[in-house]
Amino acid sequence: MAQQQPEKHFSARTTNTLLSASVIILIASVLIRFLAPAQWDTQLAAMGFGLQQVVLVLMGIGVFLFLLVAFDQPS
């Protein structure tokens, strides 16, 4: 009979770090979206990006980190 390998999970420190980072990124992206001056949007548009696109990428990174932590929890 084959031995089952124990499931590996992130350590508590890593989990807390990832969770904190995801929350900070999500809060920062919302604050950037609503508090950014109009000059930022025009400067980003000159570089080929829009402020909304940058905010969506930040939110995507934050959600990815959050889901990484959520799906790593032991059952």
C-alpha atoms as a PDB file:
ATOM      1  CA  MET A   1       0.000   0.000   0.000  1.00  0.00           C
ATOM      2  CA  ALA A   2       1.429   3.379  -0.972  1.00  0.00           C
ATOM      3  CA  GLN A   3       2.024   5.937   1.713  1.00  0.00           C
ATOM      4  CA  GLN A   4       0.161   9.186   1.395  1.00  0.00           C
ATOM      5  CA  GLN A   5       2.240  12.317   1.406  1.00  0.00           C
ATOM      6  CA  PRO A   6       1.085  14.869   3.982  1.00  0.00           C
ATOM      7  CA  GLU A   7      -0.425  17.995   2.492  1.00  0.00           C
ATOM      8  CA  LYS A   8       1.854  20.990   2.532  1.00  0.00           C
ATOM      9  CA  HIS A   9       0.460  24.379   3.476  1.00  0.00           C
ATOM     10  CA  PHE A  10       1.935  27.809   3.916  1.00  0.00           C
ATOM     11  CA  SER A  11       3.273  28.602   7.358  1.00  0.00           C
ATOM     12  CA  ALA A  12       1.242  30.890   9.602  1.00  0.00           C
ATOM     13  CA  ARG A  13       3.724  33.711   9.012  1.00  0.00           C
ATOM     14  CA  THR A  14       3.511  33.366   5.228  1.00  0.00           C
ATOM     15  CA  THR A  15      -0.278  33.190   5.370  1.00  0.00           C
ATOM     16  CA  ASN A  16      -0.471  36.354   7.459  1.00  0.00           C
ATOM     17  CA  THR A  17       1.977  38.151   5.178  1.00  0.00           C
ATOM     18  CA  LEU A  18       0.071  37.216   2.011  1.00  0.00           C
ATOM     19  CA  LEU A  19      -3.264  38.115   3.572  1.00  0.00           C
ATOM     20  CA  SER A  20      -1.954  41.471   4.777  1.00  0.00           C
ATOM     21  CA  ALA A  21      -0.422  42.229   1.395  1.00  0.00           C
ATOM     22  CA  SER A  22      -3.655  41.392  -0.435  1.00  0.00           C
ATOM     23  CA  VAL A  23      -5.740  43.602   1.855  1.00  0.00           C
ATOM     24  CA  ILE A  24      -3.279  46.493   1.567  1.00  0.00           C
ATOM     25  CA  ILE A  25      -3.191  46.193  -2.231  1.00  0.00           C
ATOM     26  CA  LEU A  26      -6.986  46.104  -2.483  1.00  0.00           C
ATOM     27  CA  ILE A  27      -7.442  49.117  -0.196  1.00  0.00           C
ATOM     28  CA  ALA A  28      -4.699  51.039  -2.011  1.00  0.00           C
ATOM     29  CA  SER A  29      -6.253  50.330  -5.411  1.00  0.00           C
ATOM     30  CA  VAL A  30      -9.646  51.623  -4.261  1.00  0.00           C
ATOM     31  CA  LEU A  31      -8.036  54.729  -2.767  1.00  0.00           C
ATOM     32  CA  ILE A  32      -6.036  55.335  -5.948  1.00  0.00           C
ATOM     33  CA  ARG A  33      -9.161  54.947  -8.040  1.00  0.00           C
ATOM     34  CA  PHE A  34     -11.178  57.519  -6.127  1.00  0.00           C
ATOM     35  CA  LEU A  35      -8.516  59.922  -4.837  1.00  0.00           C
ATOM     36  CA  ALA A  36      -6.078  60.142  -7.739  1.00  0.00           C
ATOM     37  CA  PRO A  37      -5.792  63.564  -9.365  1.00  0.00           C
ATOM     38  CA  ALA A  38      -6.789  63.932 -13.002  1.00  0.00           C
ATOM     39  CA  GLN A  39      -3.145  64.554 -13.936  1.00  0.00           C
ATOM     40  CA  TRP A  40      -2.315  60.936 -13.190  1.00  0.00           C
ATOM     41  CA  ASP A  41      -4.845  59.741 -15.742  1.00  0.00           C
ATOM     42  CA  THR A  42      -3.486  62.053 -18.436  1.00  0.00           C
ATOM     43  CA  GLN A  43       0.122  61.075 -17.676  1.00  0.00           C
ATOM     44  CA  LEU A  44      -0.723  57.374 -17.783  1.00  0.00           C
ATOM     45  CA  ALA A  45      -2.690  57.894 -20.995  1.00  0.00           C
ATOM     46  CA  ALA A  46       0.424  59.432 -22.536  1.00  0.00           C
ATOM     47  CA  MET A  47       2.289  56.217 -21.686  1.00  0.00           C
ATOM     48  CA  GLY A  48      -0.450  54.081 -23.213  1.00  0.00           C
ATOM     49  CA  PHE A  49      -2.278  53.066 -20.041  1.00  0.00           C
ATOM     50  CA  GLY A  50      -5.413  54.286 -18.370  1.00  0.00           C
ATOM     51  CA  LEU A  51      -5.829  54.787 -14.653  1.00  0.00           C
ATOM     52  CA  GLN A  52      -8.667  52.271 -14.685  1.00  0.00           C
ATOM     53  CA  GLN A  53      -6.440  49.633 -16.256  1.00  0.00           C
ATOM     54  CA  VAL A  54      -3.741  50.147 -13.632  1.00  0.00           C
ATOM     55  CA  VAL A  55      -6.324  49.903 -10.843  1.00  0.00           C
ATOM     56  CA  LEU A  56      -7.795  46.725 -12.332  1.00  0.00           C
ATOM     57  CA  VAL A  57      -4.355  45.109 -12.544  1.00  0.00           C
ATOM     58  CA  LEU A  58      -3.689  46.019  -8.899  1.00  0.00           C
ATOM     59  CA  MET A  59      -7.056  44.593  -7.882  1.00  0.00           C
ATOM     60  CA  GLY A  60      -6.329  41.424  -9.834  1.00  0.00           C
ATOM     61  CA  ILE A  61      -3.045  40.971  -7.973  1.00  0.00           C
ATOM     62  CA  GLY A  62      -4.764  41.573  -4.630  1.00  0.00           C
ATOM     63  CA  VAL A  63      -7.541  39.090  -5.373  1.00  0.00           C
ATOM     64  CA  PHE A  64      -5.016  36.508  -6.583  1.00  0.00           C
ATOM     65  CA  LEU A  65      -3.064  36.737  -3.327  1.00  0.00           C
ATOM     66  CA  PHE A  66      -6.277  36.522  -1.311  1.00  0.00           C
ATOM     67  CA  LEU A  67      -7.429  33.414  -3.188  1.00  0.00           C
ATOM     68  CA  LEU A  68      -3.974  31.886  -2.834  1.00  0.00           C
ATOM     69  CA  VAL A  69      -4.366  32.105   0.933  1.00  0.00           C
ATOM     70  CA  ALA A  70      -8.009  31.035   0.901  1.00  0.00           C
ATOM     71  CA  PHE A  71      -7.428  27.836  -1.077  1.00  0.00           C
ATOM     72  CA  ASP A  72      -4.331  26.874   0.913  1.00  0.00           C
ATOM     73  CA  GLN A  73      -6.189  26.488   4.214  1.00  0.00           C
ATOM     74  CA  PRO A  74      -6.439  22.951   5.594  1.00  0.00           C
ATOM     75  CA  SER A  75      -9.843  21.352   5.426  1.00  0.00           C
END
